[in-house]
Every structure is written in C-alpha cells, then in structure tokens.
Amino acid sequence: MNQAIQFADCEEWDPIRNAVICTALVNGFLINCCIRAESLKERYGSNGKPEHYLSVFRLNRWDLEEEFEALIIDQQFDVDGWVIL
C-alpha cells in the first residue's frame, strides 16, 4: 500500500452517478473515487438496492482500494478529476 494514498472509511451511495463513492487523500489533496453499480453487479451480484451495493463495497474494500490506488498512481482520472472503476 502506498502511504501517500489514504482512503477514508466514509463511502456513500450516489443516486446521480448510480455508484458507491469514496475519497482518497493523495499528498494532501482529496480525490473522489467511485465504482458504478453495474461494475459491482458484474463482480459480486446484486439485488439492485443501494444498501446492498454499499455492503458489497465494504466487504471488498481492500481489493477495490487497491484498484483505485493503481488508477491514481497511473493518473487515470476522468474529465472531472474522478477515479472510476
């Protein structure tokens, strides 16, 4: 794990993005990260409810954070500066 990248345990459901969002602190800057419901459903299955997506995210947090971290290191940001899985 890269010590310059720290993830906060404050994930939430974003109904506009239809995704679970979280933040990473990278060298003093907050980076918004999200994984879309479709991706979570493909990976882990789903009953389609936001609570389920949040639960699945929490159960797989370490793996997902490693993926976010790799994208951050490679500077794979969307046009709004978000990292999206």
PDB file of N, CA and C in Angstrom:
ATOM      1  N   MET A   1       0.840  -1.181   0.000  1.00  0.00           N
ATOM      2  CA  MET A   1       0.000   0.000   0.000  1.00  0.00           C
ATOM      3  C   MET A   1       0.884   1.243   0.000  1.00  0.00           C
ATOM      4  N   ASN A   2       0.520   2.191  -0.793  1.00  0.00           N
ATOM      5  CA  ASN A   2       1.235   3.447  -0.905  1.00  0.00           C
ATOM      6  C   ASN A   2       0.812   4.348   0.260  1.00  0.00           C
ATOM      7  N   GLN A   3       1.760   4.725   1.119  1.00  0.00           N
ATOM      8  CA  GLN A   3       1.437   5.539   2.289  1.00  0.00           C
ATOM      9  C   GLN A   3       1.000   6.953   1.926  1.00  0.00           C
ATOM     10  N   ALA A   4       1.300   7.408   0.705  1.00  0.00           N
ATOM     11  CA  ALA A   4       0.890   8.738   0.275  1.00  0.00           C
ATOM     12  C   ALA A   4      -0.571   8.759  -0.151  1.00  0.00           C
ATOM     13  N   ILE A   5      -1.202   7.573  -0.257  1.00  0.00           N
ATOM     14  CA  ILE A   5      -2.615   7.475  -0.626  1.00  0.00           C
ATOM     15  C   ILE A   5      -3.356   6.823   0.525  1.00  0.00           C
ATOM     16  N   GLN A   6      -4.287   7.570   1.109  1.00  0.00           N
ATOM     17  CA  GLN A   6      -5.067   7.062   2.235  1.00  0.00           C
ATOM     18  C   GLN A   6      -6.548   7.190   1.914  1.00  0.00           C
ATOM     19  N   PHE A   7      -7.289   6.110   2.148  1.00  0.00           N
ATOM     20  CA  PHE A   7      -8.719   6.095   1.882  1.00  0.00           C
ATOM     21  C   PHE A   7      -9.495   6.300   3.179  1.00  0.00           C
ATOM     22  N   ALA A   8     -10.506   7.135   3.102  1.00  0.00           N
ATOM     23  CA  ALA A   8     -11.379   7.373   4.246  1.00  0.00           C
ATOM     24  C   ALA A   8     -12.473   6.306   4.272  1.00  0.00           C
ATOM     25  N   ASP A   9     -12.910   5.937   5.461  1.00  0.00           N
ATOM     26  CA  ASP A   9     -13.994   4.968   5.613  1.00  0.00           C
ATOM     27  C   ASP A   9     -15.332   5.703   5.639  1.00  0.00           C
ATOM     28  N   CYS A  10     -15.635   6.407   4.572  1.00  0.00           N
ATOM     29  CA  CYS A  10     -16.864   7.208   4.545  1.00  0.00           C
ATOM     30  C   CYS A  10     -17.570   7.057   3.198  1.00  0.00           C
ATOM     31  N   GLU A  11     -17.692   5.818   2.745  1.00  0.00           N
ATOM     32  CA  GLU A  11     -18.355   5.574   1.471  1.00  0.00           C
ATOM     33  C   GLU A  11     -19.848   5.902   1.573  1.00  0.00           C
ATOM     34  N   GLU A  12     -20.412   6.255   0.437  1.00  0.00           N
ATOM     35  CA  GLU A  12     -21.847   6.540   0.397  1.00  0.00           C
ATOM     36  C   GLU A  12     -22.392   6.212  -0.988  1.00  0.00           C
ATOM     37  N   TRP A  13     -23.688   6.098  -1.054  1.00  0.00           N
ATOM     38  CA  TRP A  13     -24.366   5.833  -2.320  1.00  0.00           C
ATOM     39  C   TRP A  13     -24.664   7.158  -3.003  1.00  0.00           C
ATOM     40  N   ASP A  14     -24.354   7.250  -4.278  1.00  0.00           N
ATOM     41  CA  ASP A  14     -24.643   8.441  -5.065  1.00  0.00           C
ATOM     42  C   ASP A  14     -25.703   8.067  -6.102  1.00  0.00           C
ATOM     43  N   PRO A  15     -26.949   8.508  -5.898  1.00  0.00           N
ATOM     44  CA  PRO A  15     -28.015   8.140  -6.832  1.00  0.00           C
ATOM     45  C   PRO A  15     -27.871   8.787  -8.210  1.00  0.00           C
ATOM     46  N   ILE A  16     -27.170   9.887  -8.296  1.00  0.00           N
ATOM     47  CA  ILE A  16     -26.976  10.545  -9.591  1.00  0.00           C
ATOM     48  C   ILE A  16     -25.982   9.753 -10.438  1.00  0.00           C
ATOM     49  N   ARG A  17     -24.880   9.338  -9.839  1.00  0.00           N
ATOM     50  CA  ARG A  17     -23.885   8.541 -10.555  1.00  0.00           C
ATOM     51  C   ARG A  17     -24.248   7.063 -10.578  1.00  0.00           C
ATOM     52  N   ASN A  18     -25.227   6.676  -9.749  1.00  0.00           N
ATOM     53  CA  ASN A  18     -25.597   5.263  -9.599  1.00  0.00           C
ATOM     54  C   ASN A  18     -24.349   4.461  -9.235  1.00  0.00           C
ATOM     55  N   ALA A  19     -23.694   4.921  -8.162  1.00  0.00           N
ATOM     56  CA  ALA A  19     -22.408   4.357  -7.784  1.00  0.00           C
ATOM     57  C   ALA A  19     -22.152   4.529  -6.294  1.00  0.00           C
ATOM     58  N   VAL A  20     -21.238   3.719  -5.784  1.00  0.00           N
ATOM     59  CA  VAL A  20     -20.710   3.926  -4.443  1.00  0.00           C
ATOM     60  C   VAL A  20     -19.510   4.853  -4.610  1.00  0.00           C
ATOM     61  N   ILE A  21     -19.487   5.904  -3.813  1.00  0.00           N
ATOM     62  CA  ILE A  21     -18.385   6.854  -3.893  1.00  0.00           C
ATOM     63  C   ILE A  21     -17.598   6.854  -2.582  1.00  0.00           C
ATOM     64  N   CYS A  22     -16.325   7.167  -2.709  1.00  0.00           N
ATOM     65  CA  CYS A  22     -15.457   7.299  -1.545  1.00  0.00           C
ATOM     66  C   CYS A  22     -14.379   8.320  -1.895  1.00  0.00           C
ATOM     67  N   THR A  23     -13.553   8.650  -0.921  1.00  0.00           N
ATOM     68  CA  THR A  23     -12.496   9.617  -1.173  1.00  0.00           C
ATOM     69  C   THR A  23     -11.146   9.037  -0.776  1.00  0.00           C
ATOM     70  N   ALA A  24     -10.131   9.534  -1.449  1.00  0.00           N
ATOM     71  CA  ALA A  24      -8.753   9.187  -1.116  1.00  0.00           C
ATOM     72  C   ALA A  24      -7.997  10.488  -0.886  1.00  0.00           C
ATOM     73  N   LEU A  25      -7.143  10.480   0.102  1.00  0.00           N
ATOM     74  CA  LEU A  25      -6.273  11.611   0.370  1.00  0.00           C
ATOM     75  C   LEU A  25      -4.931  11.300  -0.276  1.00  0.00           C
ATOM     76  N   VAL A  26      -4.559  12.120  -1.254  1.00  0.00           N
ATOM     77  CA  VAL A  26      -3.340  11.890  -2.021  1.00  0.00           C
ATOM     78  C   VAL A  26      -2.458  13.129  -1.910  1.00  0.00           C
ATOM     79  N   ASN A  27      -1.376  12.987  -1.167  1.00  0.00           N
ATOM     80  CA  ASN A  27      -0.439  14.103  -0.979  1.00  0.00           C
ATOM     81  C   ASN A  27      -1.153  15.390  -0.577  1.00  0.00           C
ATOM     82  N   GLY A  28      -2.122  15.258   0.318  1.00  0.00           N
ATOM     83  CA  GLY A  28      -2.845  16.421   0.820  1.00  0.00           C
ATOM     84  C   GLY A  28      -4.065  16.830   0.029  1.00  0.00           C
ATOM     85  N   PHE A  29      -4.319  16.182  -1.098  1.00  0.00           N
ATOM     86  CA  PHE A  29      -5.472  16.512  -1.936  1.00  0.00           C
ATOM     87  C   PHE A  29      -6.513  15.398  -1.874  1.00  0.00           C
ATOM     88  N   LEU A  30      -7.794  15.786  -1.822  1.00  0.00           N
ATOM     89  CA  LEU A  30      -8.875  14.804  -1.843  1.00  0.00           C
ATOM     90  C   LEU A  30      -9.195  14.418  -3.284  1.00  0.00           C
ATOM     91  N   ILE A  31      -9.248  13.125  -3.525  1.00  0.00           N
ATOM     92  CA  ILE A  31      -9.613  12.588  -4.831  1.00  0.00           C
ATOM     93  C   ILE A  31     -10.909  11.808  -4.664  1.00  0.00           C
ATOM     94  N   ASN A  32     -11.885  12.120  -5.490  1.00  0.00           N
ATOM     95  CA  ASN A  32     -13.145  11.385  -5.470  1.00  0.00           C
ATOM     96  C   ASN A  32     -13.003  10.119  -6.298  1.00  0.00           C
ATOM     97  N   CYS A  33     -13.498   9.018  -5.740  1.00  0.00           N
ATOM     98  CA  CYS A  33     -13.452   7.720  -6.406  1.00  0.00           C
ATOM     99  C   CYS A  33     -14.860   7.137  -6.418  1.00  0.00           C
ATOM    100  N   CYS A  34     -15.169   6.370  -7.454  1.00  0.00           N
ATOM    101  CA  CYS A  34     -16.462   5.691  -7.451  1.00  0.00           C
ATOM    102  C   CYS A  34     -16.395   4.390  -8.234  1.00  0.00           C
ATOM    103  N   ILE A  35     -17.257   3.493  -7.840  1.00  0.00           N
ATOM    104  CA  ILE A  35     -17.453   2.268  -8.593  1.00  0.00           C
ATOM    105  C   ILE A  35     -18.939   2.190  -8.891  1.00  0.00           C
ATOM    106  N   ARG A  36     -19.252   2.086 -10.142  1.00  0.00           N
ATOM    107  CA  ARG A  36     -20.645   2.102 -10.593  1.00  0.00           C
ATOM    108  C   ARG A  36     -21.365   0.813 -10.215  1.00  0.00           C
ATOM    109  N   ALA A  37     -22.663   0.942 -10.062  1.00  0.00           N
ATOM    110  CA  ALA A  37     -23.496  -0.201  -9.698  1.00  0.00           C
ATOM    111  C   ALA A  37     -23.327  -1.347 -10.685  1.00  0.00           C
ATOM    112  N   GLU A  38     -23.225  -1.037 -11.973  1.00  0.00           N
ATOM    113  CA  GLU A  38     -23.078  -2.094 -12.979  1.00  0.00           C
ATOM    114  C   GLU A  38     -21.814  -2.911 -12.729  1.00  0.00           C
ATOM    115  N   SER A  39     -20.751  -2.234 -12.362  1.00  0.00           N
ATOM    116  CA  SER A  39     -19.485  -2.919 -12.100  1.00  0.00           C
ATOM    117  C   SER A  39     -19.587  -3.795 -10.855  1.00  0.00           C
ATOM    118  N   LEU A  40     -20.196  -3.266  -9.801  1.00  0.00           N
ATOM    119  CA  LEU A  40     -20.388  -4.072  -8.597  1.00  0.00           C
ATOM    120  C   LEU A  40     -21.264  -5.284  -8.879  1.00  0.00           C
ATOM    121  N   LYS A  41     -22.302  -5.093  -9.676  1.00  0.00           N
ATOM    122  CA  LYS A  41     -23.200  -6.196 -10.013  1.00  0.00           C
ATOM    123  C   LYS A  41     -22.464  -7.268 -10.810  1.00  0.00           C
ATOM    124  N   GLU A  42     -21.655  -6.864 -11.781  1.00  0.00           N
ATOM    125  CA  GLU A  42     -20.869  -7.810 -12.576  1.00  0.00           C
ATOM    126  C   GLU A  42     -19.918  -8.620 -11.701  1.00  0.00           C
ATOM    127  N   ARG A  43     -19.278  -7.942 -10.777  1.00  0.00           N
ATOM    128  CA  ARG A  43     -18.255  -8.578  -9.946  1.00  0.00           C
ATOM    129  C   ARG A  43     -18.840  -9.460  -8.847  1.00  0.00           C
ATOM    130  N   TYR A  44     -19.899  -8.970  -8.184  1.00  0.00           N
ATOM    131  CA  TYR A  44     -20.346  -9.611  -6.948  1.00  0.00           C
ATOM    132  C   TYR A  44     -21.828  -9.975  -6.915  1.00  0.00           C
ATOM    133  N   GLY A  45     -22.561  -9.645  -7.960  1.00  0.00           N
ATOM    134  CA  GLY A  45     -24.000  -9.872  -7.931  1.00  0.00           C
ATOM    135  C   GLY A  45     -24.696  -8.749  -7.184  1.00  0.00           C
ATOM    136  N   SER A  46     -26.027  -8.724  -7.266  1.00  0.00           N
ATOM    137  CA  SER A  46     -26.743  -7.645  -6.599  1.00  0.00           C
ATOM    138  C   SER A  46     -28.235  -7.912  -6.561  1.00  0.00           C
ATOM    139  N   ASN A  47     -28.891  -7.329  -5.574  1.00  0.00           N
ATOM    140  CA  ASN A  47     -30.345  -7.321  -5.543  1.00  0.00           C
ATOM    141  C   ASN A  47     -30.867  -5.976  -6.040  1.00  0.00           C
ATOM    142  N   GLY A  48     -29.953  -5.093  -6.479  1.00  0.00           N
ATOM    143  CA  GLY A  48     -30.330  -3.819  -7.063  1.00  0.00           C
ATOM    144  C   GLY A  48     -30.585  -2.694  -6.080  1.00  0.00           C
ATOM    145  N   LYS A  49     -30.406  -2.937  -4.796  1.00  0.00           N
ATOM    146  CA  LYS A  49     -30.666  -1.898  -3.800  1.00  0.00           C
ATOM    147  C   LYS A  49     -29.363  -1.224  -3.372  1.00  0.00           C
ATOM    148  N   PRO A  50     -29.416   0.093  -3.158  1.00  0.00           N
ATOM    149  CA  PRO A  50     -28.215   0.816  -2.740  1.00  0.00           C
ATOM    150  C   PRO A  50     -27.553   0.224  -1.493  1.00  0.00           C
ATOM    151  N   GLU A  51     -28.340  -0.242  -0.534  1.00  0.00           N
ATOM    152  CA  GLU A  51     -27.779  -0.810   0.692  1.00  0.00           C
ATOM    153  C   GLU A  51     -26.920  -2.033   0.380  1.00  0.00           C
ATOM    154  N   HIS A  52     -27.355  -2.802  -0.610  1.00  0.00           N
ATOM    155  CA  HIS A  52     -26.591  -3.987  -0.994  1.00  0.00           C
ATOM    156  C   HIS A  52     -25.266  -3.588  -1.635  1.00  0.00           C
ATOM    157  N   TYR A  53     -25.294  -2.591  -2.506  1.00  0.00           N
ATOM    158  CA  TYR A  53     -24.059  -2.128  -3.134  1.00  0.00           C
ATOM    159  C   TYR A  53     -23.075  -1.616  -2.080  1.00  0.00           C
ATOM    160  N   LEU A  54     -23.571  -0.891  -1.103  1.00  0.00           N
ATOM    161  CA  LEU A  54     -22.705  -0.408  -0.028  1.00  0.00           C
ATOM    162  C   LEU A  54     -22.115  -1.568   0.762  1.00  0.00           C
ATOM    163  N   SER A  55     -22.925  -2.557   1.048  1.00  0.00           N
ATOM    164  CA  SER A  55     -22.459  -3.729   1.790  1.00  0.00           C
ATOM    165  C   SER A  55     -21.383  -4.482   1.014  1.00  0.00           C
ATOM    166  N   VAL A  56     -21.607  -4.671  -0.269  1.00  0.00           N
ATOM    167  CA  VAL A  56     -20.638  -5.365  -1.114  1.00  0.00           C
ATOM    168  C   VAL A  56     -19.339  -4.571  -1.190  1.00  0.00           C
ATOM    169  N   PHE A  57     -19.460  -3.258  -1.297  1.00  0.00           N
ATOM    170  CA  PHE A  57     -18.264  -2.410  -1.312  1.00  0.00           C
ATOM    171  C   PHE A  57     -17.471  -2.609  -0.026  1.00  0.00           C
ATOM    172  N   ARG A  58     -18.145  -2.572   1.109  1.00  0.00           N
ATOM    173  CA  ARG A  58     -17.457  -2.711   2.399  1.00  0.00           C
ATOM    174  C   ARG A  58     -16.781  -4.072   2.533  1.00  0.00           C
ATOM    175  N   LEU A  59     -17.441  -5.113   2.052  1.00  0.00           N
ATOM    176  CA  LEU A  59     -16.861  -6.460   2.133  1.00  0.00           C
ATOM    177  C   LEU A  59     -15.618  -6.605   1.260  1.00  0.00           C
ATOM    178  N   ASN A  60     -15.542  -5.837   0.198  1.00  0.00           N
ATOM    179  CA  ASN A  60     -14.446  -5.954  -0.758  1.00  0.00           C
ATOM    180  C   ASN A  60     -13.576  -4.703  -0.812  1.00  0.00           C
ATOM    181  N   ARG A  61     -13.664  -3.912   0.240  1.00  0.00           N
ATOM    182  CA  ARG A  61     -12.981  -2.621   0.304  1.00  0.00           C
ATOM    183  C   ARG A  61     -11.500  -2.702  -0.058  1.00  0.00           C
ATOM    184  N   TRP A  62     -10.750  -3.630   0.538  1.00  0.00           N
ATOM    185  CA  TRP A  62      -9.298  -3.675   0.327  1.00  0.00           C
ATOM    186  C   TRP A  62      -8.957  -3.894  -1.138  1.00  0.00           C
ATOM    187  N   ASP A  63      -9.663  -4.828  -1.784  1.00  0.00           N
ATOM    188  CA  ASP A  63      -9.397  -5.090  -3.202  1.00  0.00           C
ATOM    189  C   ASP A  63      -9.748  -3.884  -4.064  1.00  0.00           C
ATOM    190  N   LEU A  64     -10.882  -3.267  -3.783  1.00  0.00           N
ATOM    191  CA  LEU A  64     -11.310  -2.109  -4.569  1.00  0.00           C
ATOM    192  C   LEU A  64     -10.368  -0.922  -4.360  1.00  0.00           C
ATOM    193  N   GLU A  65      -9.926  -0.717  -3.130  1.00  0.00           N
ATOM    194  CA  GLU A  65      -8.991   0.372  -2.865  1.00  0.00           C
ATOM    195  C   GLU A  65      -7.663   0.146  -3.581  1.00  0.00           C
ATOM    196  N   GLU A  66      -7.239  -1.097  -3.701  1.00  0.00           N
ATOM    197  CA  GLU A  66      -6.011  -1.385  -4.456  1.00  0.00           C
ATOM    198  C   GLU A  66      -6.187  -1.012  -5.926  1.00  0.00           C
ATOM    199  N   GLU A  67      -7.362  -1.277  -6.477  1.00  0.00           N
ATOM    200  CA  GLU A  67      -7.629  -0.899  -7.871  1.00  0.00           C
ATOM    201  C   GLU A  67      -7.673   0.623  -8.023  1.00  0.00           C
ATOM    202  N   PHE A  68      -8.347   1.292  -7.091  1.00  0.00           N
ATOM    203  CA  PHE A  68      -8.367   2.758  -7.121  1.00  0.00           C
ATOM    204  C   PHE A  68      -6.941   3.304  -7.034  1.00  0.00           C
ATOM    205  N   GLU A  69      -6.153   2.738  -6.122  1.00  0.00           N
ATOM    206  CA  GLU A  69      -4.785   3.198  -5.926  1.00  0.00           C
ATOM    207  C   GLU A  69      -3.974   3.078  -7.218  1.00  0.00           C
ATOM    208  N   ALA A  70      -4.105   1.960  -7.913  1.00  0.00           N
ATOM    209  CA  ALA A  70      -3.372   1.764  -9.175  1.00  0.00           C
ATOM    210  C   ALA A  70      -3.769   2.821 -10.204  1.00  0.00           C
ATOM    211  N   LEU A  71      -5.061   3.140 -10.274  1.00  0.00           N
ATOM    212  CA  LEU A  71      -5.526   4.162 -11.215  1.00  0.00           C
ATOM    213  C   LEU A  71      -5.023   5.550 -10.825  1.00  0.00           C
ATOM    214  N   ILE A  72      -4.984   5.818  -9.536  1.00  0.00           N
ATOM    215  CA  ILE A  72      -4.479   7.112  -9.064  1.00  0.00           C
ATOM    216  C   ILE A  72      -2.996   7.246  -9.411  1.00  0.00           C
ATOM    217  N   ILE A  73      -2.229   6.214  -9.152  1.00  0.00           N
ATOM    218  CA  ILE A  73      -0.792   6.249  -9.463  1.00  0.00           C
ATOM    219  C   ILE A  73      -0.574   6.462 -10.952  1.00  0.00           C
ATOM    220  N   ASP A  74      -1.424   5.825 -11.785  1.00  0.00           N
ATOM    221  CA  ASP A  74      -1.316   5.987 -13.244  1.00  0.00           C
ATOM    222  C   ASP A  74      -1.998   7.254 -13.751  1.00  0.00           C
ATOM    223  N   GLN A  75      -2.549   8.036 -12.818  1.00  0.00           N
ATOM    224  CA  GLN A  75      -3.246   9.291 -13.140  1.00  0.00           C
ATOM    225  C   GLN A  75      -4.380   9.081 -14.140  1.00  0.00           C
ATOM    226  N   GLN A  76      -5.175   8.052 -13.893  1.00  0.00           N
ATOM    227  CA  GLN A  76      -6.307   7.729 -14.754  1.00  0.00           C
ATOM    228  C   GLN A  76      -7.574   8.399 -14.203  1.00  0.00           C
ATOM    229  N   PHE A  77      -7.677   9.706 -14.415  1.00  0.00           N
ATOM    230  CA  PHE A  77      -8.804  10.486 -13.929  1.00  0.00           C
ATOM    231  C   PHE A  77      -9.745  10.788 -15.088  1.00  0.00           C
ATOM    232  N   ASP A  78     -11.047  10.906 -14.776  1.00  0.00           N
ATOM    233  CA  ASP A  78     -11.970  11.344 -15.827  1.00  0.00           C
ATOM    234  C   ASP A  78     -11.874  12.861 -15.969  1.00  0.00           C
ATOM    235  N   VAL A  79     -12.678  13.434 -16.826  1.00  0.00           N
ATOM    236  CA  VAL A  79     -12.590  14.882 -17.098  1.00  0.00           C
ATOM    237  C   VAL A  79     -12.906  15.732 -15.863  1.00  0.00           C
ATOM    238  N   ASP A  80     -13.658  15.166 -14.908  1.00  0.00           N
ATOM    239  CA  ASP A  80     -13.980  15.890 -13.683  1.00  0.00           C
ATOM    240  C   ASP A  80     -12.974  15.627 -12.565  1.00  0.00           C
ATOM    241  N   GLY A  81     -11.927  14.839 -12.842  1.00  0.00           N
ATOM    242  CA  GLY A  81     -10.918  14.540 -11.845  1.00  0.00           C
ATOM    243  C   GLY A  81     -11.242  13.354 -10.956  1.00  0.00           C
ATOM    244  N   TRP A  82     -12.256  12.569 -11.317  1.00  0.00           N
ATOM    245  CA  TRP A  82     -12.660  11.402 -10.553  1.00  0.00           C
ATOM    246  C   TRP A  82     -11.915  10.163 -11.041  1.00  0.00           C
ATOM    247  N   VAL A  83     -11.767   9.201 -10.142  1.00  0.00           N
ATOM    248  CA  VAL A  83     -11.250   7.879 -10.488  1.00  0.00           C
ATOM    249  C   VAL A  83     -12.452   6.943 -10.478  1.00  0.00           C
ATOM    250  N   ILE A  84     -12.680   6.270 -11.597  1.00  0.00           N
ATOM    251  CA  ILE A  84     -13.894   5.460 -11.749  1.00  0.00           C
ATOM    252  C   ILE A  84     -13.534   4.027 -12.117  1.00  0.00           C
ATOM    253  N   LEU A  85     -14.110   3.099 -11.363  1.00  0.00           N
ATOM    254  CA  LEU A  85     -13.976   1.674 -11.706  1.00  0.00           C
ATOM    255  C   LEU A  85     -15.213   1.227 -12.450  1.00  0.00           C
TER     256      LEU A  85
END
